[in-house]
Amino acid sequence: MPNPSPLRATALSAAALMLLAALAGCGGGSEDRGGDGDGDLSAQQLDWKACPQPSGSEGGGDAPSPLPDGGTWRCATLKAPLDWDEPAGDTIGLALIRARASGAEDRRIGSLLFNFGGPGGSGVTALPAFGQDYEQLRTRYDLVSFDPRGVGRSAGVKCEDDEQLDEYFQQDATPDDGAEQRTLLAGLKKFNKACGKNSGRILPHVRTTDAARDMDLMRQVLGDDRLHYFGISYGTELGGVYAHLFPRKVGRAVFDAVVDPTRSPVQGSLAQAKGFQLALDNFAEDCASKPEECPLGDGAQGVKDRISELLRNLDAKPIPGVFPRELTQTAAIGGIAQALYSQEFWEYLTEGLQQAYEGDGTVLMLLSDSMNGRDRNGEYSNISAANASVNCADDKARYTVADVRAKLPEFRKASSVFGDYLAWSMVGCTDWAVAGAADRPDVSAPGAAPILVVGNTGDPATPYEGARRMVESLGKGVGVELTYKGQGHGAYDSGNECVRDAVNGYLLDGRVPSAGTVCS
C-alpha cells in the first residue's frame, strides 16, 4: 500500500486513464548540484522544447500528442532553490509543461497552473492526458502544469526498486495477528529506510510549503502578476497553502475535490473510510438496479455481502492475479478503491469482481497496480515514494501500533471494507527520516481574491464536508462554495454542464457564482 495512506487525496491519474484503454481491450528536470542559485531565479528564461517521452518515474508512456488545433505541448525546466531557507544555495530542476493559449493574444489572461493531486502525481503527464477537458480554458490561458519537487523529473524521490516494490505491495496491510503485524511493520520500516538512503538530500525539502513557494517562482518566471490556478484533490491543499503564504498574489483560482484542512491525518483517514464506504454503497445500489448488467448479488446488501466474502476468502487464500503475482486481500481492496474514484470505472469493478468470483484476479490487480503506479511492464512511477515523502514531511503526527488498535473499532464502524486498511496506514510515517512540519496545513488567506471551492457529495477520497471547511478556513470573503451532487472524485471532469459553466465563467470572465450554488 502506498505510504502512509493509500487513498489520500489522489487524483485520478494519467496512468489510470491509460488503464481504462487497456481494460476496455481485455524536458527533464533533475537535481542540479552545482550550487548556482546565487542569481535572481525569478529572472531566469525558460527554454521551451518539444516534450520527451515521460520518464519511468513519471509513469512512462508516449510523448504528448499534438493539440486539437495542431499545436504542440512544450516542456522546460525551472531552477528553484533546493532549500527555500537558503535561496542562494543549491538548486533543483522542476519539470514544466505548457500549451499556449489558442485564442487571440489580446484576449489572453495569462497562465493557468494545474496541480492534479497525490501528493506525488506528475502534472507533466496528467495535463496532456486530461488536456481535452480544458480546451475552452485554453482559449484565454496558457495551460501549464509541473512535476512538484520530489515527483517524476523534479528531483524525484527514489525509495525501493521495482522488484522490492512488488514485494512491498504483496504484503498484508490489514494484519490479523502478531506475526502479520510484525511483517507489515518490517516492510514499512524497510521502505522508509530505503527512502532515506536513496533520497535523503531532497526529503527535508518536499513539504507543501516548499511546493507553494515554487509556484510563486513559476508565476514570476511565466510573467504573471497573479497566480491563476486550478487545484484538484491534494492540489486544493497546495492551493490553500499558496493562498496563505501569498494572499495578494492569488488570481482566479478553483479548488475541485477539496481536502479538509482542519483534519489531522487520523481524522482524514477516518473520513476517507466513510467516503469510500459511501461510494461502495452507491456502486452497490447502482448495480442492484440493473441486475442484467451487474449480476453481483441479490440487492445492494447482497452485492456488498459478496464483496466482503471475497475479501475474507482472499485473506485466507489469494488467487492468481497478474502473473506471477497473486491477488491478495490488500490488492483487492486497493483495486476496489481505485475503481471508486470515477463512475466510469464502475463497469471495470463489475468485471473485476465477476472474474475474481471465478478465481481470476487480473482486472482487480490491474486496478490496484494503477493506484500504486505500476505499469504492465512491471515498472513503477515514483508516486508511492513521493506520496510518502510529502505526507511524512508535512504531517507532524507519528502514530504507534497502540494508536491504531485504539482507533480500529471506529474505523471498522466507518467501513467494514476499508476500515482496517486505512487504520493501519496510520503507522506509515513512524520510522520516517524527516520530522513532520505541522498538525494541519494553514490555509487562512485574508485579503485573497475569491477562490471557487467545488465539493462533490459522492466523492470517496475527499469527502464533501471538506469543501465547507476549506471555505471557512480560507476566511470571510475568500472561499465561494459550489456543490455538485454526483459520484466520483472531483466535479469538473465529470462533464456536468452546470459545474463546467460555473468554473469556466469564473476563470474566463471573472463571474463569481453565488455562494451555495448547487449543480446536479
Protein backbone atom coordinates (compact mmCIF):
# COMPACT_ATOMS: atom_id res chain seq x y z
CA MET A 1 0.00 0.00 0.00
CA PRO A 2 1.29 3.47 -0.67
CA ASN A 3 2.79 5.00 2.41
CA PRO A 4 1.37 6.42 4.59
CA SER A 5 -2.19 6.45 3.24
CA PRO A 6 -3.07 4.53 0.11
CA LEU A 7 -6.09 6.60 -0.77
CA ARG A 8 -5.16 10.04 0.43
CA ALA A 9 -6.29 12.83 -1.85
CA THR A 10 -5.06 11.15 -5.01
CA ALA A 11 -6.46 12.48 -8.26
CA LEU A 12 -7.44 10.05 -10.98
CA SER A 13 -4.05 9.66 -12.62
CA ALA A 14 -2.92 9.64 -16.20
CA ALA A 15 -1.89 6.03 -15.58
CA ALA A 16 -5.48 5.28 -14.63
CA LEU A 17 -6.68 6.83 -17.87
CA MET A 18 -4.33 4.56 -19.82
CA LEU A 19 -5.62 1.65 -17.74
CA LEU A 20 -9.13 2.43 -18.99
CA ALA A 21 -7.99 1.76 -22.53
CA ALA A 22 -6.19 -1.42 -21.51
CA LEU A 23 -9.20 -2.76 -19.63
CA ALA A 24 -11.56 -1.86 -22.45
CA GLY A 25 -9.40 -4.04 -24.69
CA CYS A 26 -9.21 -7.17 -22.25
CA GLY A 27 12.39 18.02 -20.65
CA GLY A 28 13.51 16.54 -17.90
CA GLY A 29 14.04 18.29 -14.60
CA SER A 30 16.76 16.91 -12.39
CA GLU A 31 18.67 17.80 -9.30
CA ASP A 32 21.37 20.35 -10.01
CA ARG A 33 24.24 20.02 -7.53
CA GLY A 34 26.17 22.90 -9.00
CA GLY A 35 25.10 25.39 -6.35
CA ASP A 36 24.38 28.13 -8.88
CA GLY A 37 21.37 29.57 -7.09
CA ASP A 38 23.10 32.83 -6.22
CA GLY A 39 21.46 34.70 -9.11
CA ASP A 40 17.92 36.04 -9.28
CA LEU A 41 15.95 32.90 -10.12
CA SER A 42 12.85 34.95 -10.87
CA ALA A 43 14.72 36.45 -13.85
CA GLN A 44 15.58 33.12 -15.47
CA GLN A 45 14.44 32.43 -19.02
CA LEU A 46 12.79 29.08 -19.68
CA ASP A 47 13.96 27.07 -22.68
CA TRP A 48 10.76 25.53 -24.04
CA LYS A 49 11.36 22.45 -26.19
CA ALA A 50 9.42 19.50 -27.61
CA CYS A 51 8.39 17.23 -24.75
CA PRO A 52 10.19 13.91 -24.41
CA GLN A 53 8.51 10.66 -23.54
CA PRO A 54 7.55 10.63 -19.86
CA SER A 55 10.28 9.17 -17.69
CA GLY A 56 9.74 5.96 -15.77
CA SER A 57 9.37 7.96 -12.57
CA GLU A 58 6.55 9.93 -14.25
CA GLY A 59 4.78 6.74 -15.29
CA GLY A 60 6.25 6.21 -18.76
CA GLY A 61 4.24 6.16 -21.97
CA ASP A 62 4.36 8.17 -25.18
CA ALA A 63 5.24 11.81 -25.65
CA PRO A 64 2.17 14.10 -25.61
CA SER A 65 0.03 14.03 -28.75
CA PRO A 66 -0.49 17.24 -30.76
CA LEU A 67 -3.19 19.60 -29.56
CA PRO A 68 -6.58 19.73 -31.33
CA ASP A 69 -5.58 22.87 -33.25
CA GLY A 70 -2.30 21.32 -34.36
CA GLY A 71 -0.21 23.00 -31.69
CA THR A 72 2.27 21.10 -29.58
CA TRP A 73 2.98 20.66 -25.91
CA ARG A 74 6.29 22.18 -24.89
CA CYS A 75 8.43 21.34 -21.87
CA ALA A 76 11.02 23.24 -19.86
CA THR A 77 12.98 23.06 -16.64
CA LEU A 78 12.69 25.73 -13.94
CA LYS A 79 15.52 26.19 -11.47
CA ALA A 80 14.36 26.53 -7.86
CA PRO A 81 16.24 26.57 -4.56
CA LEU A 82 16.74 23.17 -3.03
CA ASP A 83 16.19 24.82 0.36
CA TRP A 84 13.91 27.85 0.39
CA ASP A 85 15.55 28.92 3.68
CA GLU A 86 18.80 29.26 1.70
CA PRO A 87 17.59 30.64 -1.64
CA ALA A 88 21.11 31.39 -2.85
CA GLY A 89 22.26 27.81 -2.31
CA ASP A 90 21.98 24.71 -4.45
CA THR A 91 19.14 24.41 -6.94
CA ILE A 92 16.91 21.67 -8.27
CA GLY A 93 15.21 21.46 -11.64
CA LEU A 94 11.41 21.41 -11.77
CA ALA A 95 9.83 19.91 -14.89
CA LEU A 96 7.12 22.05 -16.54
CA ILE A 97 4.77 21.52 -19.46
CA ARG A 98 2.78 24.15 -21.37
CA ALA A 99 0.23 24.54 -24.15
CA ARG A 100 -0.02 28.11 -25.40
CA ALA A 101 -3.40 29.84 -25.47
CA SER A 102 -5.37 29.17 -28.64
CA GLY A 103 -7.30 32.45 -28.77
CA ALA A 104 -6.33 35.96 -29.80
CA GLU A 105 -3.38 37.44 -27.92
CA ASP A 106 -5.40 40.47 -26.80
CA ARG A 107 -7.84 38.10 -25.07
CA ARG A 108 -5.14 36.12 -23.25
CA ILE A 109 -5.37 36.38 -19.44
CA GLY A 110 -2.11 34.65 -18.57
CA SER A 111 -1.03 31.20 -17.44
CA LEU A 112 -3.37 28.77 -15.67
CA LEU A 113 -1.32 26.48 -13.43
CA PHE A 114 -2.66 22.99 -12.63
CA ASN A 115 -1.91 20.54 -9.85
CA PHE A 116 -3.77 17.24 -10.16
CA GLY A 117 -3.16 15.88 -6.70
CA GLY A 118 -1.49 12.98 -5.00
CA PRO A 119 0.63 14.24 -3.45
CA GLY A 120 3.01 12.61 -5.86
CA GLY A 121 1.20 12.87 -9.18
CA SER A 122 3.09 14.05 -12.26
CA GLY A 123 1.49 17.13 -13.76
CA VAL A 124 3.71 16.78 -16.82
CA THR A 125 1.91 13.55 -17.73
CA ALA A 126 -1.51 14.39 -16.31
CA LEU A 127 -2.16 17.69 -18.09
CA PRO A 128 -1.84 16.28 -21.64
CA ALA A 129 -3.90 13.24 -20.61
CA PHE A 130 -6.75 15.47 -19.42
CA GLY A 131 -5.98 18.33 -21.82
CA GLN A 132 -9.08 17.96 -23.99
CA ASP A 133 -11.22 18.72 -20.93
CA TYR A 134 -9.60 22.16 -20.66
CA GLU A 135 -9.73 23.27 -24.31
CA GLN A 136 -12.24 26.01 -23.53
CA LEU A 137 -9.97 27.36 -20.82
CA ARG A 138 -7.08 27.34 -23.29
CA THR A 139 -8.86 29.97 -25.37
CA ARG A 140 -7.67 32.58 -22.86
CA TYR A 141 -4.91 30.86 -20.87
CA ASP A 142 -1.65 29.10 -21.46
CA LEU A 143 -2.24 25.75 -19.74
CA VAL A 144 0.73 24.90 -17.51
CA SER A 145 1.49 22.07 -15.13
CA PHE A 146 4.56 20.65 -13.42
CA ASP A 147 6.10 17.78 -11.51
CA PRO A 148 6.27 19.12 -7.94
CA ARG A 149 9.58 18.73 -6.15
CA GLY A 150 10.18 15.08 -5.27
CA VAL A 151 7.95 13.93 -8.13
CA GLY A 152 8.93 12.47 -11.51
CA ARG A 153 11.64 14.54 -13.18
CA SER A 154 11.71 17.18 -10.41
CA ALA A 155 14.41 15.67 -8.19
CA GLY A 156 12.14 12.65 -7.87
CA VAL A 157 12.31 10.70 -4.64
CA LYS A 158 13.65 7.17 -5.02
CA CYS A 159 12.91 4.51 -2.42
CA GLU A 160 12.76 0.84 -3.44
CA ASP A 161 13.28 -0.70 -6.88
CA ASP A 162 10.58 -2.41 -8.95
CA GLU A 163 11.24 -5.89 -7.57
CA GLN A 164 11.22 -4.63 -4.00
CA LEU A 165 8.00 -2.70 -4.62
CA ASP A 166 6.30 -5.81 -5.97
CA GLU A 167 7.15 -7.48 -2.67
CA TYR A 168 6.10 -4.41 -0.70
CA PHE A 169 2.65 -4.26 -2.27
CA GLN A 170 2.12 -8.00 -1.84
CA GLN A 171 2.36 -7.75 1.94
CA ASP A 172 -0.75 -7.94 4.10
CA ALA A 173 -1.70 -4.37 5.07
CA THR A 174 -4.53 -5.50 7.37
CA PRO A 175 -2.78 -7.77 9.90
CA ASP A 176 -4.91 -10.18 11.90
CA ASP A 177 -2.29 -11.42 14.37
CA GLY A 178 1.09 -10.61 15.85
CA ALA A 179 3.09 -12.33 13.12
CA GLU A 180 1.32 -10.45 10.31
CA GLN A 181 1.70 -7.22 12.24
CA ARG A 182 5.45 -7.71 12.61
CA THR A 183 5.77 -8.46 8.90
CA LEU A 184 3.84 -5.31 7.97
CA LEU A 185 5.90 -3.09 10.27
CA ALA A 186 9.15 -4.60 9.00
CA GLY A 187 8.10 -3.92 5.41
CA LEU A 188 7.21 -0.31 6.19
CA LYS A 189 10.48 0.21 8.04
CA LYS A 190 12.44 -1.23 5.11
CA PHE A 191 10.62 1.03 2.63
CA ASN A 192 11.16 4.13 4.77
CA LYS A 193 14.83 3.32 5.31
CA ALA A 194 15.32 2.96 1.55
CA CYS A 195 13.77 6.40 1.02
CA GLY A 196 16.19 7.95 3.48
CA LYS A 197 19.18 6.14 1.99
CA ASN A 198 18.40 6.89 -1.64
CA SER A 199 16.86 10.37 -1.35
CA GLY A 200 17.99 11.83 1.95
CA ARG A 201 19.09 15.12 0.41
CA ILE A 202 15.68 16.04 -1.01
CA LEU A 203 13.43 14.61 1.76
CA PRO A 204 13.61 17.66 4.08
CA HIS A 205 12.56 19.94 1.20
CA VAL A 206 9.37 18.40 -0.23
CA ARG A 207 6.84 19.97 2.10
CA THR A 208 3.73 21.58 0.67
CA THR A 209 5.06 24.97 1.77
CA ASP A 210 8.12 24.36 -0.43
CA ALA A 211 5.93 23.49 -3.42
CA ALA A 212 3.83 26.61 -2.82
CA ARG A 213 6.95 28.78 -2.94
CA ASP A 214 7.94 27.01 -6.14
CA MET A 215 4.57 28.00 -7.63
CA ASP A 216 5.16 31.64 -6.82
CA LEU A 217 8.52 31.42 -8.56
CA MET A 218 6.73 29.89 -11.56
CA ARG A 219 4.28 32.79 -11.53
CA GLN A 220 7.10 35.29 -11.72
CA VAL A 221 9.08 33.44 -14.40
CA LEU A 222 5.94 32.93 -16.51
CA GLY A 223 5.36 36.68 -16.35
CA ASP A 224 2.10 36.80 -14.40
CA ASP A 225 1.26 39.43 -11.79
CA ARG A 226 -1.09 36.96 -10.08
CA LEU A 227 -1.27 33.19 -9.97
CA HIS A 228 -4.29 31.76 -11.79
CA TYR A 229 -4.69 28.23 -10.50
CA PHE A 230 -6.71 25.03 -10.86
CA GLY A 231 -6.08 22.60 -7.99
CA ILE A 232 -7.59 19.14 -7.79
CA SER A 233 -7.60 16.85 -4.74
CA TYR A 234 -4.30 17.40 -2.87
CA GLY A 235 -3.88 20.30 -5.28
CA THR A 236 -6.54 22.11 -3.25
CA GLU A 237 -4.40 21.83 -0.12
CA LEU A 238 -1.42 23.09 -2.08
CA GLY A 239 -3.52 25.95 -3.42
CA GLY A 240 -4.75 26.80 0.06
CA VAL A 241 -1.20 26.89 1.42
CA TYR A 242 -0.19 29.14 -1.50
CA ALA A 243 -3.08 31.48 -0.74
CA HIS A 244 -1.99 31.63 2.89
CA LEU A 245 1.62 32.46 2.00
CA PHE A 246 0.85 34.83 -0.90
CA PRO A 247 -2.73 36.09 -0.47
CA ARG A 248 -2.18 39.23 -2.57
CA LYS A 249 -0.83 37.16 -5.44
CA VAL A 250 -3.93 34.94 -5.81
CA GLY A 251 -5.65 35.48 -9.15
CA ARG A 252 -8.62 33.43 -10.35
CA ALA A 253 -8.43 30.08 -8.57
CA VAL A 254 -10.55 26.93 -8.47
CA PHE A 255 -10.31 24.13 -5.92
CA ASP A 256 -12.03 20.87 -7.01
CA ALA A 257 -12.25 17.65 -4.90
CA VAL A 258 -11.35 19.54 -1.76
CA VAL A 259 -9.08 18.37 1.03
CA ASP A 260 -10.37 19.23 4.51
CA PRO A 261 -7.59 21.38 6.01
CA THR A 262 -8.98 21.13 9.54
CA ARG A 263 -8.48 17.38 9.99
CA SER A 264 -5.48 15.62 11.49
CA PRO A 265 -4.06 12.69 9.49
CA VAL A 266 -6.06 10.16 11.50
CA GLN A 267 -9.25 12.21 11.15
CA GLY A 268 -8.62 12.48 7.42
CA SER A 269 -8.15 8.73 7.08
CA LEU A 270 -11.31 8.07 9.07
CA ALA A 271 -13.24 10.45 6.82
CA GLN A 272 -11.89 8.58 3.82
CA ALA A 273 -13.06 5.27 5.26
CA LYS A 274 -16.55 6.75 5.41
CA GLY A 275 -16.19 8.31 1.96
CA PHE A 276 -15.09 5.12 0.23
CA GLN A 277 -17.79 3.14 2.01
CA LEU A 278 -20.38 5.65 0.77
CA ALA A 279 -19.03 5.27 -2.76
CA LEU A 280 -19.19 1.48 -2.46
CA ASP A 281 -22.77 1.76 -1.18
CA ASN A 282 -23.62 3.89 -4.20
CA PHE A 283 -21.97 1.38 -6.55
CA ALA A 284 -23.94 -1.46 -4.95
CA GLU A 285 -27.22 0.44 -5.28
CA ASP A 286 -26.49 1.15 -8.92
CA CYS A 287 -25.50 -2.45 -9.55
CA ALA A 288 -28.66 -3.78 -7.90
CA SER A 289 -30.80 -1.50 -10.08
CA LYS A 290 -29.59 -3.23 -13.27
CA PRO A 291 -29.00 -6.91 -12.43
CA GLU A 292 -28.58 -7.96 -16.06
CA GLU A 293 -25.55 -5.68 -16.49
CA CYS A 294 -24.26 -6.18 -12.95
CA PRO A 295 -25.08 -9.70 -11.70
CA LEU A 296 -23.08 -9.47 -8.47
CA GLY A 297 -25.68 -10.20 -5.82
CA ASP A 298 -29.29 -10.05 -4.73
CA GLY A 299 -29.94 -6.39 -3.96
CA ALA A 300 -27.45 -3.77 -2.80
CA GLN A 301 -26.74 -5.51 0.50
CA GLY A 302 -26.23 -8.77 -1.32
CA VAL A 303 -23.64 -7.12 -3.57
CA LYS A 304 -21.74 -5.80 -0.56
CA ASP A 305 -22.00 -9.09 1.35
CA ARG A 306 -20.50 -10.94 -1.57
CA ILE A 307 -17.62 -8.45 -1.81
CA SER A 308 -16.93 -8.89 1.90
CA GLU A 309 -16.96 -12.67 1.48
CA LEU A 310 -14.48 -12.39 -1.40
CA LEU A 311 -12.12 -10.30 0.72
CA ARG A 312 -12.30 -12.77 3.62
CA ASN A 313 -11.51 -15.63 1.24
CA LEU A 314 -8.58 -13.74 -0.29
CA ASP A 315 -7.17 -13.12 3.17
CA ALA A 316 -7.06 -16.87 3.69
CA LYS A 317 -6.08 -17.84 0.13
CA PRO A 318 -5.07 -15.39 -2.63
CA ILE A 319 -5.95 -16.18 -6.24
CA PRO A 320 -3.91 -15.75 -9.44
CA GLY A 321 -3.57 -12.10 -10.42
CA VAL A 322 -1.10 -10.58 -12.89
CA PHE A 323 1.46 -13.35 -13.31
CA PRO A 324 3.45 -14.24 -11.31
CA ARG A 325 1.81 -12.21 -8.55
CA GLU A 326 -1.35 -13.17 -6.70
CA LEU A 327 -4.40 -11.08 -5.89
CA THR A 328 -4.28 -10.69 -2.13
CA GLN A 329 -6.93 -9.19 0.10
CA THR A 330 -4.91 -5.96 0.25
CA ALA A 331 -4.53 -5.74 -3.53
CA ALA A 332 -8.24 -6.39 -3.99
CA ILE A 333 -9.14 -3.59 -1.57
CA GLY A 334 -6.81 -1.27 -3.45
CA GLY A 335 -8.36 -2.27 -6.77
CA ILE A 336 -11.89 -1.69 -5.48
CA ALA A 337 -10.85 1.71 -4.15
CA GLN A 338 -9.25 2.73 -7.46
CA ALA A 339 -12.46 1.85 -9.31
CA LEU A 340 -14.49 4.03 -6.95
CA TYR A 341 -12.55 7.16 -7.94
CA SER A 342 -14.68 7.52 -11.05
CA GLN A 343 -18.12 6.31 -12.05
CA GLU A 344 -16.57 5.50 -15.45
CA PHE A 345 -14.64 2.74 -13.68
CA TRP A 346 -17.68 1.04 -12.17
CA GLU A 347 -18.08 -1.27 -15.16
CA TYR A 348 -14.49 -2.45 -14.67
CA LEU A 349 -15.15 -3.03 -10.99
CA THR A 350 -18.10 -5.19 -12.00
CA GLU A 351 -15.92 -7.10 -14.47
CA GLY A 352 -13.13 -7.48 -11.92
CA LEU A 353 -15.44 -8.80 -9.23
CA GLN A 354 -17.06 -11.26 -11.63
CA GLN A 355 -13.63 -12.57 -12.62
CA ALA A 356 -12.47 -12.79 -9.02
CA TYR A 357 -15.55 -14.81 -8.03
CA GLU A 358 -14.43 -17.27 -10.73
CA GLY A 359 -10.85 -17.38 -9.43
CA ASP A 360 -9.21 -14.82 -11.77
CA GLY A 361 -7.81 -11.69 -10.11
CA THR A 362 -6.40 -9.99 -13.22
CA VAL A 363 -8.68 -6.96 -13.52
CA LEU A 364 -8.75 -6.13 -9.80
CA MET A 365 -4.98 -6.39 -9.74
CA LEU A 366 -4.63 -4.09 -12.76
CA LEU A 367 -6.76 -1.56 -10.93
CA SER A 368 -4.63 -1.94 -7.81
CA ASP A 369 -1.45 -1.59 -9.87
CA SER A 370 -2.79 1.63 -11.33
CA MET A 371 -3.22 3.08 -7.86
CA ASN A 372 0.32 2.06 -6.95
CA GLY A 373 1.85 3.48 -10.14
CA ARG A 374 2.82 0.11 -11.70
CA ASP A 375 2.57 -0.31 -15.47
CA ARG A 376 2.00 -3.50 -17.46
CA ASN A 377 5.77 -3.97 -17.83
CA GLY A 378 6.25 -4.12 -14.08
CA GLU A 379 7.83 -0.68 -13.82
CA TYR A 380 6.71 1.75 -11.11
CA SER A 381 6.46 5.50 -11.23
CA ASN A 382 7.66 7.24 -8.10
CA ILE A 383 4.14 8.22 -6.96
CA SER A 384 4.27 6.00 -3.86
CA ALA A 385 7.67 7.31 -2.84
CA ALA A 386 6.65 10.91 -3.46
CA ASN A 387 3.32 10.45 -1.70
CA ALA A 388 5.07 9.14 1.39
CA SER A 389 7.71 11.85 1.26
CA VAL A 390 5.31 14.79 1.08
CA ASN A 391 2.83 13.42 3.61
CA CYS A 392 5.51 12.49 6.13
CA ALA A 393 7.29 15.83 5.70
CA ASP A 394 4.01 17.71 6.15
CA ASP A 395 2.39 15.79 8.98
CA LYS A 396 3.82 16.14 12.47
CA ALA A 397 1.93 13.15 13.88
CA ARG A 398 3.78 9.86 14.33
CA TYR A 399 1.30 7.15 15.26
CA THR A 400 2.02 3.89 17.06
CA VAL A 401 0.53 0.41 16.91
CA ALA A 402 -1.27 1.25 20.14
CA ASP A 403 -2.86 4.25 18.40
CA VAL A 404 -4.04 2.01 15.57
CA ARG A 405 -5.52 -0.56 17.92
CA ALA A 406 -7.34 2.15 19.86
CA LYS A 407 -8.86 3.51 16.64
CA LEU A 408 -9.66 0.22 14.90
CA PRO A 409 -13.23 -0.06 16.26
CA GLU A 410 -14.05 3.43 14.98
CA PHE A 411 -12.55 2.69 11.57
CA ARG A 412 -14.39 -0.63 11.31
CA LYS A 413 -17.64 1.08 12.17
CA ALA A 414 -16.98 3.60 9.41
CA SER A 415 -16.29 0.86 6.84
CA SER A 416 -16.15 -2.90 7.06
CA VAL A 417 -14.25 -2.97 3.76
CA PHE A 418 -11.79 -0.09 4.04
CA GLY A 419 -11.60 0.43 7.82
CA ASP A 420 -8.65 -1.82 8.71
CA TYR A 421 -6.81 -0.85 5.54
CA LEU A 422 -6.91 2.85 6.37
CA ALA A 423 -6.40 2.43 10.10
CA TRP A 424 -3.12 0.58 9.61
CA SER A 425 -1.92 3.24 7.18
CA MET A 426 -1.57 5.49 10.25
CA VAL A 427 1.83 3.97 11.08
CA GLY A 428 3.35 4.73 7.66
CA CYS A 429 5.44 7.70 8.86
CA THR A 430 6.58 6.20 12.16
CA ASP A 431 10.15 5.47 11.03
CA TRP A 432 10.46 8.35 8.57
CA ALA A 433 13.84 10.08 8.31
CA VAL A 434 12.45 13.64 8.46
CA ALA A 435 10.28 15.22 11.14
CA GLY A 436 6.83 16.41 10.10
CA ALA A 437 6.15 20.13 9.91
CA ALA A 438 2.71 20.73 11.41
CA ASP A 439 -0.51 19.25 12.77
CA ARG A 440 -2.58 20.75 9.96
CA PRO A 441 -1.96 22.98 6.94
CA ASP A 442 -2.60 26.69 7.39
CA VAL A 443 -4.80 27.95 4.56
CA SER A 444 -6.13 31.16 6.06
CA ALA A 445 -5.87 33.79 3.34
CA PRO A 446 -7.37 37.12 4.38
CA GLY A 447 -7.27 39.60 1.52
CA ALA A 448 -7.03 36.99 -1.24
CA ALA A 449 -9.22 37.17 -4.34
CA PRO A 450 -12.28 34.88 -4.42
CA ILE A 451 -11.47 31.17 -4.68
CA LEU A 452 -14.15 28.88 -6.12
CA VAL A 453 -14.35 25.75 -3.94
CA VAL A 454 -16.18 22.81 -5.57
CA GLY A 455 -17.35 19.87 -3.44
CA ASN A 456 -18.85 16.61 -4.73
CA THR A 457 -21.40 14.89 -2.48
CA GLY A 458 -20.31 11.42 -3.66
CA ASP A 459 -16.54 11.96 -3.54
CA PRO A 460 -14.83 8.99 -1.84
CA ALA A 461 -11.29 10.35 -1.44
CA THR A 462 -12.01 13.93 -0.40
CA PRO A 463 -15.41 13.76 1.29
CA TYR A 464 -17.86 16.56 0.61
CA GLU A 465 -17.62 18.12 4.08
CA GLY A 466 -14.08 19.23 3.29
CA ALA A 467 -15.30 21.86 0.84
CA ARG A 468 -17.25 23.73 3.50
CA ARG A 469 -14.35 23.55 5.93
CA MET A 470 -11.95 24.83 3.30
CA VAL A 471 -14.26 27.79 2.67
CA GLU A 472 -14.40 28.54 6.39
CA SER A 473 -10.63 28.18 6.78
CA LEU A 474 -9.78 30.44 3.85
CA GLY A 475 -11.63 33.21 5.62
CA LYS A 476 -14.51 35.57 5.09
CA GLY A 477 -14.95 36.79 1.55
CA VAL A 478 -12.39 34.39 0.04
CA GLY A 479 -13.89 30.90 -0.39
CA VAL A 480 -17.05 30.56 -2.51
CA GLU A 481 -18.66 27.12 -2.22
CA LEU A 482 -20.27 25.27 -5.11
CA THR A 483 -21.86 21.84 -4.60
CA TYR A 484 -22.05 19.06 -7.19
CA LYS A 485 -24.47 16.24 -6.42
CA GLY A 486 -22.63 13.46 -8.19
CA GLN A 487 -20.29 10.48 -7.97
CA GLY A 488 -16.56 10.07 -8.21
CA HIS A 489 -13.52 12.09 -7.26
CA GLY A 490 -13.94 15.67 -8.42
CA ALA A 491 -16.62 17.56 -10.32
CA TYR A 492 -15.23 19.48 -13.31
CA ASP A 493 -14.06 16.38 -15.16
CA SER A 494 -17.41 14.67 -14.56
CA GLY A 495 -18.69 16.59 -17.59
CA ASN A 496 -21.56 18.16 -15.65
CA GLU A 497 -22.55 21.26 -17.63
CA CYS A 498 -23.62 23.25 -14.59
CA VAL A 499 -20.22 22.78 -12.93
CA ARG A 500 -18.37 23.48 -16.16
CA ASP A 501 -20.33 26.67 -16.82
CA ALA A 502 -19.69 27.94 -13.30
CA VAL A 503 -15.96 27.19 -13.35
CA ASN A 504 -15.44 28.44 -16.90
CA GLY A 505 -17.47 31.57 -16.21
CA TYR A 506 -15.21 32.43 -13.31
CA LEU A 507 -11.87 31.54 -14.87
CA LEU A 508 -12.62 33.03 -18.29
CA ASP A 509 -14.83 36.00 -17.47
CA GLY A 510 -14.39 36.62 -13.75
CA ARG A 511 -18.03 35.83 -12.92
CA VAL A 512 -18.09 34.56 -9.33
CA PRO A 513 -21.01 32.13 -8.80
CA SER A 514 -23.39 32.80 -5.96
CA ALA A 515 -22.18 31.13 -2.76
CA GLY A 516 -24.11 27.91 -2.17
CA THR A 517 -24.79 27.20 -5.84
CA VAL A 518 -25.85 23.56 -6.34
CA CYS A 519 -25.34 21.52 -9.53
CA SER A 520 -26.81 18.07 -10.09
